[in-house]
C-alpha atoms as a PDB file:
ATOM      1  CA  UNK A   1     126.121 178.695  79.518  1.00  0.00           C
ATOM      2  CA  UNK A   2     123.322 176.658  81.135  1.00  0.00           C
ATOM      3  CA  UNK A   3     123.398 174.090  83.972  1.00  0.00           C
ATOM      4  CA  UNK A   4     126.887 175.240  84.909  1.00  0.00           C
ATOM      5  CA  UNK A   5     128.345 174.213  81.561  1.00  0.00           C
ATOM      6  CA  UNK A   6     128.483 175.109  77.884  1.00  0.00           C
ATOM      7  CA  UNK A   7     125.488 173.840  75.905  1.00  0.00           C
ATOM      8  CA  UNK A   8     125.858 173.634  72.117  1.00  0.00           C
ATOM      9  CA  UNK A   9     123.274 172.693  69.506  1.00  0.00           C
ATOM     10  CA  UNK A  10     124.224 171.964  65.902  1.00  0.00           C
ATOM     11  CA  UNK A  11     121.645 171.226  63.212  1.00  0.00           C
ATOM     12  CA  UNK A  12     122.018 170.518  59.513  1.00  0.00           C
ATOM     13  CA  UNK A  13     120.038 169.924  56.333  1.00  0.00           C
ATOM     14  CA  UNK A  14     117.240 172.264  57.359  1.00  0.00           C
ATOM     15  CA  UNK A  15     116.340 175.826  56.289  1.00  0.00           C
ATOM     16  CA  UNK A  16     117.684 178.693  58.381  1.00  0.00           C
ATOM     17  CA  UNK A  17     114.348 179.932  59.765  1.00  0.00           C
ATOM     18  CA  UNK A  18     113.274 176.488  60.959  1.00  0.00           C
ATOM     19  CA  UNK A  19     116.756 175.855  62.379  1.00  0.00           C
ATOM     20  CA  UNK A  20     116.738 179.072  64.428  1.00  0.00           C
ATOM     21  CA  UNK A  21     113.211 178.486  65.752  1.00  0.00           C
ATOM     22  CA  UNK A  22     113.953 174.862  66.656  1.00  0.00           C
ATOM     23  CA  UNK A  23     117.247 175.660  68.386  1.00  0.00           C
ATOM     24  CA  UNK A  24     115.695 178.525  70.350  1.00  0.00           C
ATOM     25  CA  UNK A  25     112.942 176.195  71.563  1.00  0.00           C
ATOM     26  CA  UNK A  26     115.516 173.540  72.498  1.00  0.00           C
ATOM     27  CA  UNK A  27     117.613 176.033  74.471  1.00  0.00           C
ATOM     28  CA  UNK A  28     114.489 177.212  76.317  1.00  0.00           C
ATOM     29  CA  UNK A  29     113.790 173.604  77.268  1.00  0.00           C
ATOM     30  CA  UNK A  30     117.297 173.171  78.715  1.00  0.00           C
ATOM     31  CA  UNK A  31     116.854 176.401  80.676  1.00  0.00           C
ATOM     32  CA  UNK A  32     113.516 175.116  82.005  1.00  0.00           C
ATOM     33  CA  UNK A  33     115.134 171.889  83.214  1.00  0.00           C
ATOM     34  CA  UNK A  34     117.930 173.923  84.821  1.00  0.00           C
ATOM     35  CA  UNK A  35     115.336 176.051  86.627  1.00  0.00           C
ATOM     36  CA  UNK A  36     113.783 172.891  88.091  1.00  0.00           C
ATOM     37  CA  UNK A  37     116.856 170.823  88.907  1.00  0.00           C
ATOM     38  CA  UNK A  38     119.942 172.983  89.448  1.00  0.00           C
ATOM     39  CA  UNK A  39     121.326 172.777  92.977  1.00  0.00           C
ATOM     40  CA  UNK A  40     123.068 176.107  92.298  1.00  0.00           C
ATOM     41  CA  UNK A  41     119.744 177.955  92.028  1.00  0.00           C
ATOM     42  CA  UNK A  42     118.146 178.746  95.403  1.00  0.00           C
ATOM     43  CA  UNK A  43     114.679 178.715  93.851  1.00  0.00           C
ATOM     44  CA  UNK A  44     114.964 175.313  92.137  1.00  0.00           C
ATOM     45  CA  UNK A  45     112.947 172.312  93.288  1.00  0.00           C
ATOM     46  CA  UNK A  46     116.166 170.474  94.133  1.00  0.00           C
ATOM     47  CA  UNK A  47     117.336 173.330  96.379  1.00  0.00           C
ATOM     48  CA  UNK A  48     113.958 173.391  98.129  1.00  0.00           C
ATOM     49  CA  UNK A  49     114.214 169.657  98.842  1.00  0.00           C
ATOM     50  CA  UNK A  50     117.693 170.181 100.321  1.00  0.00           C
ATOM     51  CA  UNK A  51     116.620 173.223 102.329  1.00  0.00           C
ATOM     52  CA  UNK A  52     113.879 171.230 104.048  1.00  0.00           C
ATOM     53  CA  UNK A  53     115.885 168.035 104.604  1.00  0.00           C
ATOM     54  CA  UNK A  54     114.734 166.275 107.750  1.00  0.00           C
ATOM     55  CA  UNK A  55     111.744 168.621 108.041  1.00  0.00           C
ATOM     56  CA  UNK A  56     109.095 167.987 105.399  1.00  0.00           C
ATOM     57  CA  UNK A  57     108.391 166.550 101.968  1.00  0.00           C
ATOM     58  CA  UNK A  58     108.467 168.867  98.961  1.00  0.00           C
ATOM     59  CA  UNK A  59     106.090 168.563  96.054  1.00  0.00           C
ATOM     60  CA  UNK A  60     107.910 168.643  92.721  1.00  0.00           C
ATOM     61  CA  UNK A  61     107.183 168.581  89.009  1.00  0.00           C
ATOM     62  CA  UNK A  62     106.727 165.216  87.266  1.00  0.00           C
ATOM     63  CA  UNK A  63     110.064 165.784  85.462  1.00  0.00           C
ATOM     64  CA  UNK A  64     112.039 166.271  88.660  1.00  0.00           C
ATOM     65  CA  UNK A  65     110.391 163.199  90.149  1.00  0.00           C
ATOM     66  CA  UNK A  66     111.217 161.202  86.997  1.00  0.00           C
ATOM     67  CA  UNK A  67     114.915 162.094  87.180  1.00  0.00           C
ATOM     68  CA  UNK A  68     115.154 161.377  90.926  1.00  0.00           C
ATOM     69  CA  UNK A  69     113.432 158.019  90.498  1.00  0.00           C
ATOM     70  CA  UNK A  70     115.772 157.120  87.628  1.00  0.00           C
ATOM     71  CA  UNK A  71     118.739 158.134  89.784  1.00  0.00           C
ATOM     72  CA  UNK A  72     117.495 155.880  92.586  1.00  0.00           C
ATOM     73  CA  UNK A  73     117.135 153.048  90.065  1.00  0.00           C
ATOM     74  CA  UNK A  74     120.830 153.375  89.172  1.00  0.00           C
ATOM     75  CA  UNK A  75     121.748 153.675  92.858  1.00  0.00           C
ATOM     76  CA  UNK A  76     120.068 150.374  93.643  1.00  0.00           C
ATOM     77  CA  UNK A  77     121.536 148.584  90.618  1.00  0.00           C
ATOM     78  CA  UNK A  78     125.054 149.811  91.396  1.00  0.00           C
ATOM     79  CA  UNK A  79     124.774 149.147  95.170  1.00  0.00           C
ATOM     80  CA  UNK A  80     125.308 152.852  95.868  1.00  0.00           C
ATOM     81  CA  UNK A  81     128.182 153.525  93.463  1.00  0.00           C
ATOM     82  CA  UNK A  82     125.857 156.148  91.987  1.00  0.00           C
ATOM     83  CA  UNK A  83     124.408 158.379  94.701  1.00  0.00           C
ATOM     84  CA  UNK A  84     122.791 161.809  94.253  1.00  0.00           C
ATOM     85  CA  UNK A  85     123.215 162.590  97.984  1.00  0.00           C
ATOM     86  CA  UNK A  86     127.022 162.888  97.607  1.00  0.00           C
ATOM     87  CA  UNK A  87     126.884 166.706  97.995  1.00  0.00           C
ATOM     88  CA  UNK A  88     127.907 167.056 101.679  1.00  0.00           C
ATOM     89  CA  UNK A  89     131.096 165.074 100.997  1.00  0.00           C
ATOM     90  CA  UNK A  90     131.814 166.636  97.609  1.00  0.00           C
ATOM     91  CA  UNK A  91     131.751 170.106  99.187  1.00  0.00           C
ATOM     92  CA  UNK A  92     134.567 169.070 101.547  1.00  0.00           C
ATOM     93  CA  UNK A  93     136.956 168.844  98.603  1.00  0.00           C
ATOM     94  CA  UNK A  94     138.672 171.951  97.211  1.00  0.00           C
ATOM     95  CA  UNK A  95     140.047 171.048  93.793  1.00  0.00           C
ATOM     96  CA  UNK A  96     141.103 174.610  92.972  1.00  0.00           C
ATOM     97  CA  UNK A  97     143.346 174.929  96.018  1.00  0.00           C
ATOM     98  CA  UNK A  98     144.298 171.246  96.135  1.00  0.00           C
ATOM     99  CA  UNK A  99     143.035 170.563  99.669  1.00  0.00           C
ATOM    100  CA  UNK A 100     142.152 167.094 100.974  1.00  0.00           C
ATOM    101  CA  UNK A 101     139.351 167.076 103.581  1.00  0.00           C
ATOM    102  CA  UNK A 102     140.323 166.306 107.166  1.00  0.00           C
ATOM    103  CA  UNK A 103     139.414 162.734 108.122  1.00  0.00           C
ATOM    104  CA  UNK A 104     137.065 163.475 111.021  1.00  0.00           C
ATOM    105  CA  UNK A 105     135.034 166.054 109.061  1.00  0.00           C
ATOM    106  CA  UNK A 106     134.876 163.705 106.093  1.00  0.00           C
ATOM    107  CA  UNK A 107     133.520 160.875 108.259  1.00  0.00           C
ATOM    108  CA  UNK A 108     130.908 163.175 109.801  1.00  0.00           C
ATOM    109  CA  UNK A 109     129.662 164.246 106.378  1.00  0.00           C
ATOM    110  CA  UNK A 110     129.637 160.675 105.075  1.00  0.00           C
ATOM    111  CA  UNK A 111     126.728 160.043 107.472  1.00  0.00           C
ATOM    112  CA  UNK A 112     124.654 162.399 105.333  1.00  0.00           C
ATOM    113  CA  UNK A 113     125.284 160.382 102.150  1.00  0.00           C
ATOM    114  CA  UNK A 114     122.753 157.597 101.615  1.00  0.00           C
ATOM    115  CA  UNK A 115     120.403 157.323  98.647  1.00  0.00           C
ATOM    116  CA  UNK A 116     118.186 154.992 100.710  1.00  0.00           C
ATOM    117  CA  UNK A 117     117.150 157.998 102.820  1.00  0.00           C
ATOM    118  CA  UNK A 118     115.517 159.688  99.830  1.00  0.00           C
ATOM    119  CA  UNK A 119     111.802 159.086 100.276  1.00  0.00           C
ATOM    120  CA  UNK A 120     109.717 159.430  97.126  1.00  0.00           C
ATOM    121  CA  UNK A 121     105.919 159.489  97.139  1.00  0.00           C
ATOM    122  CA  UNK A 122     104.888 158.898  93.541  1.00  0.00           C
ATOM    123  CA  UNK A 123     101.184 159.447  94.196  1.00  0.00           C
ATOM    124  CA  UNK A 124     101.825 162.833  95.851  1.00  0.00           C
ATOM    125  CA  UNK A 125     104.688 163.686  93.476  1.00  0.00           C
ATOM    126  CA  UNK A 126     106.837 164.588  96.481  1.00  0.00           C
ATOM    127  CA  UNK A 127     110.380 164.023  97.741  1.00  0.00           C
ATOM    128  CA  UNK A 128     111.679 164.004 101.312  1.00  0.00           C
ATOM    129  CA  UNK A 129     115.255 163.750 102.592  1.00  0.00           C
ATOM    130  CA  UNK A 130     115.067 161.762 105.813  1.00  0.00           C
ATOM    131  CA  UNK A 131     117.942 163.394 107.739  1.00  0.00           C
ATOM    132  CA  UNK A 132     118.808 167.035 108.294  1.00  0.00           C
ATOM    133  CA  UNK A 133     121.959 168.133 106.499  1.00  0.00           C
ATOM    134  CA  UNK A 134     121.374 165.845 103.513  1.00  0.00           C
ATOM    135  CA  UNK A 135     121.610 167.328 100.023  1.00  0.00           C
ATOM    136  CA  UNK A 136     120.472 166.445  96.525  1.00  0.00           C
ATOM    137  CA  UNK A 137     122.770 166.963  93.552  1.00  0.00           C
ATOM    138  CA  UNK A 138     121.546 165.811  90.134  1.00  0.00           C
ATOM    139  CA  UNK A 139     124.760 166.893  88.390  1.00  0.00           C
ATOM    140  CA  UNK A 140     125.540 163.360  87.223  1.00  0.00           C
ATOM    141  CA  UNK A 141     122.156 162.764  85.578  1.00  0.00           C
ATOM    142  CA  UNK A 142     120.214 166.002  84.943  1.00  0.00           C
ATOM    143  CA  UNK A 143     122.474 167.215  82.127  1.00  0.00           C
ATOM    144  CA  UNK A 144     121.776 164.023  80.234  1.00  0.00           C
ATOM    145  CA  UNK A 145     118.047 164.419  80.848  1.00  0.00           C
ATOM    146  CA  UNK A 146     118.199 167.992  79.525  1.00  0.00           C
ATOM    147  CA  UNK A 147     119.982 166.768  76.381  1.00  0.00           C
ATOM    148  CA  UNK A 148     117.251 164.161  75.810  1.00  0.00           C
ATOM    149  CA  UNK A 149     114.549 166.808  76.232  1.00  0.00           C
ATOM    150  CA  UNK A 150     116.294 169.247  73.880  1.00  0.00           C
ATOM    151  CA  UNK A 151     116.568 166.519  71.237  1.00  0.00           C
ATOM    152  CA  UNK A 152     112.863 165.730  71.609  1.00  0.00           C
ATOM    153  CA  UNK A 153     112.059 169.399  70.961  1.00  0.00           C
ATOM    154  CA  UNK A 154     114.256 169.473  67.840  1.00  0.00           C
ATOM    155  CA  UNK A 155     112.484 166.416  66.457  1.00  0.00           C
ATOM    156  CA  UNK A 156     109.082 167.875  67.308  1.00  0.00           C
ATOM    157  CA  UNK A 157     110.089 170.974  65.321  1.00  0.00           C
ATOM    158  CA  UNK A 158     110.928 168.805  62.308  1.00  0.00           C
ATOM    159  CA  UNK A 159     114.735 168.733  62.615  1.00  0.00           C
ATOM    160  CA  UNK A 160     116.104 165.255  61.872  1.00  0.00           C
ATOM    161  CA  UNK A 161     119.875 165.897  61.791  1.00  0.00           C
ATOM    162  CA  UNK A 162     121.401 167.364  64.938  1.00  0.00           C
ATOM    163  CA  UNK A 163     124.003 167.183  67.687  1.00  0.00           C
ATOM    164  CA  UNK A 164     123.266 168.468  71.203  1.00  0.00           C
ATOM    165  CA  UNK A 165     126.231 168.730  73.571  1.00  0.00           C
ATOM    166  CA  UNK A 166     125.990 169.776  77.229  1.00  0.00           C
ATOM    167  CA  UNK A 167     129.493 169.760  78.671  1.00  0.00           C
ATOM    168  CA  UNK A 168     130.421 166.442  77.055  1.00  0.00           C
ATOM    169  CA  UNK A 169     127.034 164.765  77.483  1.00  0.00           C
ATOM    170  CA  UNK A 170     125.799 164.604  73.927  1.00  0.00           C
ATOM    171  CA  UNK A 171     123.282 163.047  71.608  1.00  0.00           C
ATOM    172  CA  UNK A 172     123.184 162.833  67.826  1.00  0.00           C
ATOM    173  CA  UNK A 173     120.676 161.894  65.173  1.00  0.00           C
ATOM    174  CA  UNK A 174     121.003 161.606  61.423  1.00  0.00           C
ATOM    175  CA  UNK A 175     124.141 162.940  59.759  1.00  0.00           C
ATOM    176  CA  UNK A 176     126.327 166.055  59.717  1.00  0.00           C
ATOM    177  CA  UNK A 177     125.788 166.439  55.986  1.00  0.00           C
ATOM    178  CA  UNK A 178     124.388 164.117  53.344  1.00  0.00           C
ATOM    179  CA  UNK A 179     126.710 161.140  53.266  1.00  0.00           C
ATOM    180  CA  UNK A 180     128.896 162.558  56.084  1.00  0.00           C
ATOM    181  CA  UNK A 181     128.189 161.097  59.557  1.00  0.00           C
ATOM    182  CA  UNK A 182     128.649 162.743  62.915  1.00  0.00           C
ATOM    183  CA  UNK A 183     132.040 161.680  64.313  1.00  0.00           C
ATOM    184  CA  UNK A 184     132.650 161.867  68.082  1.00  0.00           C
ATOM    185  CA  UNK A 185     136.197 161.693  69.429  1.00  0.00           C
ATOM    186  CA  UNK A 186     136.907 160.110  72.814  1.00  0.00           C
ATOM    187  CA  UNK A 187     139.697 162.057  74.520  1.00  0.00           C
ATOM    188  CA  UNK A 188     142.675 160.209  75.977  1.00  0.00           C
ATOM    189  CA  UNK A 189     142.648 160.913  79.740  1.00  0.00           C
ATOM    190  CA  UNK A 190     146.416 161.516  79.911  1.00  0.00           C
ATOM    191  CA  UNK A 191     147.154 162.917  76.438  1.00  0.00           C
ATOM    192  CA  UNK A 192     144.831 165.886  75.790  1.00  0.00           C
ATOM    193  CA  UNK A 193     145.667 166.070  72.078  1.00  0.00           C
ATOM    194  CA  UNK A 194     145.170 162.320  71.496  1.00  0.00           C
ATOM    195  CA  UNK A 195     142.037 160.199  71.096  1.00  0.00           C
ATOM    196  CA  UNK A 196     141.299 156.761  72.520  1.00  0.00           C
ATOM    197  CA  UNK A 197     138.755 156.020  69.774  1.00  0.00           C
ATOM    198  CA  UNK A 198     136.134 157.606  67.543  1.00  0.00           C
ATOM    199  CA  UNK A 199     132.425 156.891  67.405  1.00  0.00           C
ATOM    200  CA  UNK A 200     130.158 157.135  64.376  1.00  0.00           C
ATOM    201  CA  UNK A 201     126.616 156.786  65.765  1.00  0.00           C
ATOM    202  CA  UNK A 202     123.497 157.438  63.694  1.00  0.00           C
ATOM    203  CA  UNK A 203     121.173 157.924  66.651  1.00  0.00           C
ATOM    204  CA  UNK A 204     122.647 157.605  70.147  1.00  0.00           C
ATOM    205  CA  UNK A 205     123.829 159.439  73.239  1.00  0.00           C
ATOM    206  CA  UNK A 206     127.413 159.515  74.511  1.00  0.00           C
ATOM    207  CA  UNK A 207     128.665 160.555  77.955  1.00  0.00           C
ATOM    208  CA  UNK A 208     132.135 160.440  79.484  1.00  0.00           C
ATOM    209  CA  UNK A 209     133.320 160.550  83.094  1.00  0.00           C
ATOM    210  CA  UNK A 210     137.036 161.208  83.506  1.00  0.00           C
ATOM    211  CA  UNK A 211     139.541 161.915  86.258  1.00  0.00           C
ATOM    212  CA  UNK A 212     141.100 164.709  84.174  1.00  0.00           C
ATOM    213  CA  UNK A 213     138.234 167.210  84.445  1.00  0.00           C
ATOM    214  CA  UNK A 214     138.733 168.419  88.056  1.00  0.00           C
ATOM    215  CA  UNK A 215     141.816 167.207  89.870  1.00  0.00           C
ATOM    216  CA  UNK A 216     144.991 168.089  91.730  1.00  0.00           C
ATOM    217  CA  UNK A 217     148.127 166.163  92.603  1.00  0.00           C
ATOM    218  CA  UNK A 218     149.443 165.683  96.142  1.00  0.00           C
ATOM    219  CA  UNK A 219     152.190 163.396  97.332  1.00  0.00           C
ATOM    220  CA  UNK A 220     152.389 161.721  93.952  1.00  0.00           C
ATOM    221  CA  UNK A 221     148.655 160.886  93.978  1.00  0.00           C
ATOM    222  CA  UNK A 222     145.962 162.299  91.709  1.00  0.00           C
ATOM    223  CA  UNK A 223     142.836 163.452  93.559  1.00  0.00           C
ATOM    224  CA  UNK A 224     139.824 163.983  91.301  1.00  0.00           C
ATOM    225  CA  UNK A 225     136.130 164.805  91.599  1.00  0.00           C
ATOM    226  CA  UNK A 226     134.523 161.389  90.968  1.00  0.00           C
ATOM    227  CA  UNK A 227     134.107 160.150  94.512  1.00  0.00           C
ATOM    228  CA  UNK A 228     133.178 156.777  95.979  1.00  0.00           C
ATOM    229  CA  UNK A 229     130.004 157.500  97.998  1.00  0.00           C
ATOM    230  CA  UNK A 230     130.932 154.896 100.623  1.00  0.00           C
ATOM    231  CA  UNK A 231     134.336 156.454 101.441  1.00  0.00           C
ATOM    232  CA  UNK A 232     134.219 160.001 100.092  1.00  0.00           C
ATOM    233  CA  UNK A 233     137.555 159.401  98.327  1.00  0.00           C
ATOM    234  CA  UNK A 234     138.280 159.454  94.573  1.00  0.00           C
ATOM    235  CA  UNK A 235     137.638 156.227  92.657  1.00  0.00           C
ATOM    236  CA  UNK A 236     140.933 154.706  91.492  1.00  0.00           C
ATOM    237  CA  UNK A 237     140.217 151.882  89.060  1.00  0.00           C
ATOM    238  CA  UNK A 238     139.449 154.016  85.986  1.00  0.00           C
ATOM    239  CA  UNK A 239     140.877 157.055  84.238  1.00  0.00           C
ATOM    240  CA  UNK A 240     137.859 157.521  81.991  1.00  0.00           C
ATOM    241  CA  UNK A 241     134.595 155.802  81.120  1.00  0.00           C
ATOM    242  CA  UNK A 242     132.616 156.565  77.961  1.00  0.00           C
ATOM    243  CA  UNK A 243     129.108 155.171  77.588  1.00  0.00           C
ATOM    244  CA  UNK A 244     127.057 155.048  74.393  1.00  0.00           C
ATOM    245  CA  UNK A 245     123.357 154.422  74.993  1.00  0.00           C
ATOM    246  CA  UNK A 246     119.959 155.354  73.515  1.00  0.00           C
ATOM    247  CA  UNK A 247     119.290 157.867  76.331  1.00  0.00           C
ATOM    248  CA  UNK A 248     121.663 160.660  77.370  1.00  0.00           C
ATOM    249  CA  UNK A 249     120.259 160.511  80.908  1.00  0.00           C
ATOM    250  CA  UNK A 250     121.159 156.819  81.186  1.00  0.00           C
ATOM    251  CA  UNK A 251     124.557 157.318  79.539  1.00  0.00           C
ATOM    252  CA  UNK A 252     125.297 160.136  81.998  1.00  0.00           C
ATOM    253  CA  UNK A 253     124.438 158.062  85.078  1.00  0.00           C
ATOM    254  CA  UNK A 254     126.081 154.868  83.807  1.00  0.00           C
ATOM    255  CA  UNK A 255     129.367 156.672  83.071  1.00  0.00           C
ATOM    256  CA  UNK A 256     129.599 157.748  86.715  1.00  0.00           C
ATOM    257  CA  UNK A 257     128.450 154.399  88.123  1.00  0.00           C
ATOM    258  CA  UNK A 258     130.865 152.350  86.001  1.00  0.00           C
ATOM    259  CA  UNK A 259     133.747 154.717  86.821  1.00  0.00           C
ATOM    260  CA  UNK A 260     133.167 154.225  90.551  1.00  0.00           C
ATOM    261  CA  UNK A 261     132.637 150.461  90.259  1.00  0.00           C
ATOM    262  CA  UNK A 262     135.723 149.859  88.119  1.00  0.00           C
ATOM    263  CA  UNK A 263     136.011 147.724  84.965  1.00  0.00           C
ATOM    264  CA  UNK A 264     135.035 144.308  86.316  1.00  0.00           C
ATOM    265  CA  UNK A 265     131.937 145.321  88.274  1.00  0.00           C
ATOM    266  CA  UNK A 266     131.162 148.047  85.728  1.00  0.00           C
ATOM    267  CA  UNK A 267     130.993 145.611  82.821  1.00  0.00           C
ATOM    268  CA  UNK A 268     128.837 143.323  84.981  1.00  0.00           C
ATOM    269  CA  UNK A 269     126.417 146.231  85.545  1.00  0.00           C
ATOM    270  CA  UNK A 270     126.260 146.941  81.809  1.00  0.00           C
ATOM    271  CA  UNK A 271     125.025 143.407  81.111  1.00  0.00           C
ATOM    272  CA  UNK A 272     121.665 144.664  82.360  1.00  0.00           C
ATOM    273  CA  UNK A 273     121.627 147.279  79.558  1.00  0.00           C
ATOM    274  CA  UNK A 274     121.935 145.421  76.241  1.00  0.00           C
ATOM    275  CA  UNK A 275     121.823 148.658  74.222  1.00  0.00           C
ATOM    276  CA  UNK A 276     124.553 150.393  76.241  1.00  0.00           C
ATOM    277  CA  UNK A 277     128.243 150.083  75.343  1.00  0.00           C
ATOM    278  CA  UNK A 278     131.404 151.235  77.123  1.00  0.00           C
ATOM    279  CA  UNK A 279     134.984 152.273  76.460  1.00  0.00           C
ATOM    280  CA  UNK A 280     136.981 152.171  79.695  1.00  0.00           C
ATOM    281  CA  UNK A 281     140.515 153.438  80.182  1.00  0.00           C
ATOM    282  CA  UNK A 282     141.555 151.708  83.380  1.00  0.00           C
ATOM    283  CA  UNK A 283     144.058 152.816  86.023  1.00  0.00           C
ATOM    284  CA  UNK A 284     146.946 151.369  84.005  1.00  0.00           C
ATOM    285  CA  UNK A 285     145.828 153.171  80.799  1.00  0.00           C
ATOM    286  CA  UNK A 286     144.617 149.961  79.167  1.00  0.00           C
ATOM    287  CA  UNK A 287     141.672 150.544  76.829  1.00  0.00           C
ATOM    288  CA  UNK A 288     138.852 148.065  77.514  1.00  0.00           C
ATOM    289  CA  UNK A 289     135.760 147.627  75.350  1.00  0.00           C
ATOM    290  CA  UNK A 290     132.424 146.106  76.253  1.00  0.00           C
ATOM    291  CA  UNK A 291     131.390 143.311  73.851  1.00  0.00           C
ATOM    292  CA  UNK A 292     128.906 143.471  70.975  1.00  0.00           C
ATOM    293  CA  UNK A 293     129.453 146.999  69.695  1.00  0.00           C
ATOM    294  CA  UNK A 294     127.125 147.756  66.750  1.00  0.00           C
ATOM    295  CA  UNK A 295     128.889 147.304  63.428  1.00  0.00           C
ATOM    296  CA  UNK A 296     130.502 150.440  61.999  1.00  0.00           C
ATOM    297  CA  UNK A 297     130.085 152.612  65.107  1.00  0.00           C
ATOM    298  CA  UNK A 298     133.461 152.125  66.830  1.00  0.00           C
ATOM    299  CA  UNK A 299     136.395 153.506  64.832  1.00  0.00           C
ATOM    300  CA  UNK A 300     140.159 153.622  65.516  1.00  0.00           C
ATOM    301  CA  UNK A 301     141.524 156.981  66.704  1.00  0.00           C
END
């Protein structure tokens, strides 16, 4: 358990000693990223930035700066559909007890959500939140970054066939066994035992955002954890979005952004990423595919 989720590493076609050493090094790398970027840890760089919101800039590691800058890139491209300052609004929701935040409190906390108030000084390697009460939460991008870093360690250690999975954000390279590819199932958002499709990538990352992970029902409506930063309410146009891309960090962020934007605007966003592909289950349970999937990767369920 790292980064608030289960992290699994599978390697194949390598001797046991090398496999154990490589996986141990990869797990240490994920733990290092968690130490820097977890908003659950009081001593992390992200928590320090939040603690001093509206007061002073905080110097951070190059990795933390890289992830924040990439997050801001996706925020700008998606016109704020992806926003790592969503924390004050997200905390208003109680998905365990099924409580909807009171309107006035929600509106007050929405004032603290605005990616444009994250001030980054690249030369000083520092980050400053402009208003007091703002928060940073890299939950929708840091897991993917950690997966990318773990994979880089495995390759550095000479492992060429692996699967790294951090709570559904995963990346594969090579094959499961000689002649047997890695197969990734995409869960149906309303039928837990059914699949929407299968993927057979040779070297790619896959991330899914779905309304079935944290939710409750009230008055015939489903309230889930993927919120629209502008309103603080759950996004309604999608049930799940799966992104396949070269980078797990990008797949992670794009899955959230496309989910919030909905199919039409989401597919428009993806046109800017020619090597990224999407499977969207929309609000009516229709399965929509982005064009130009690589041959042999997308399989029927």
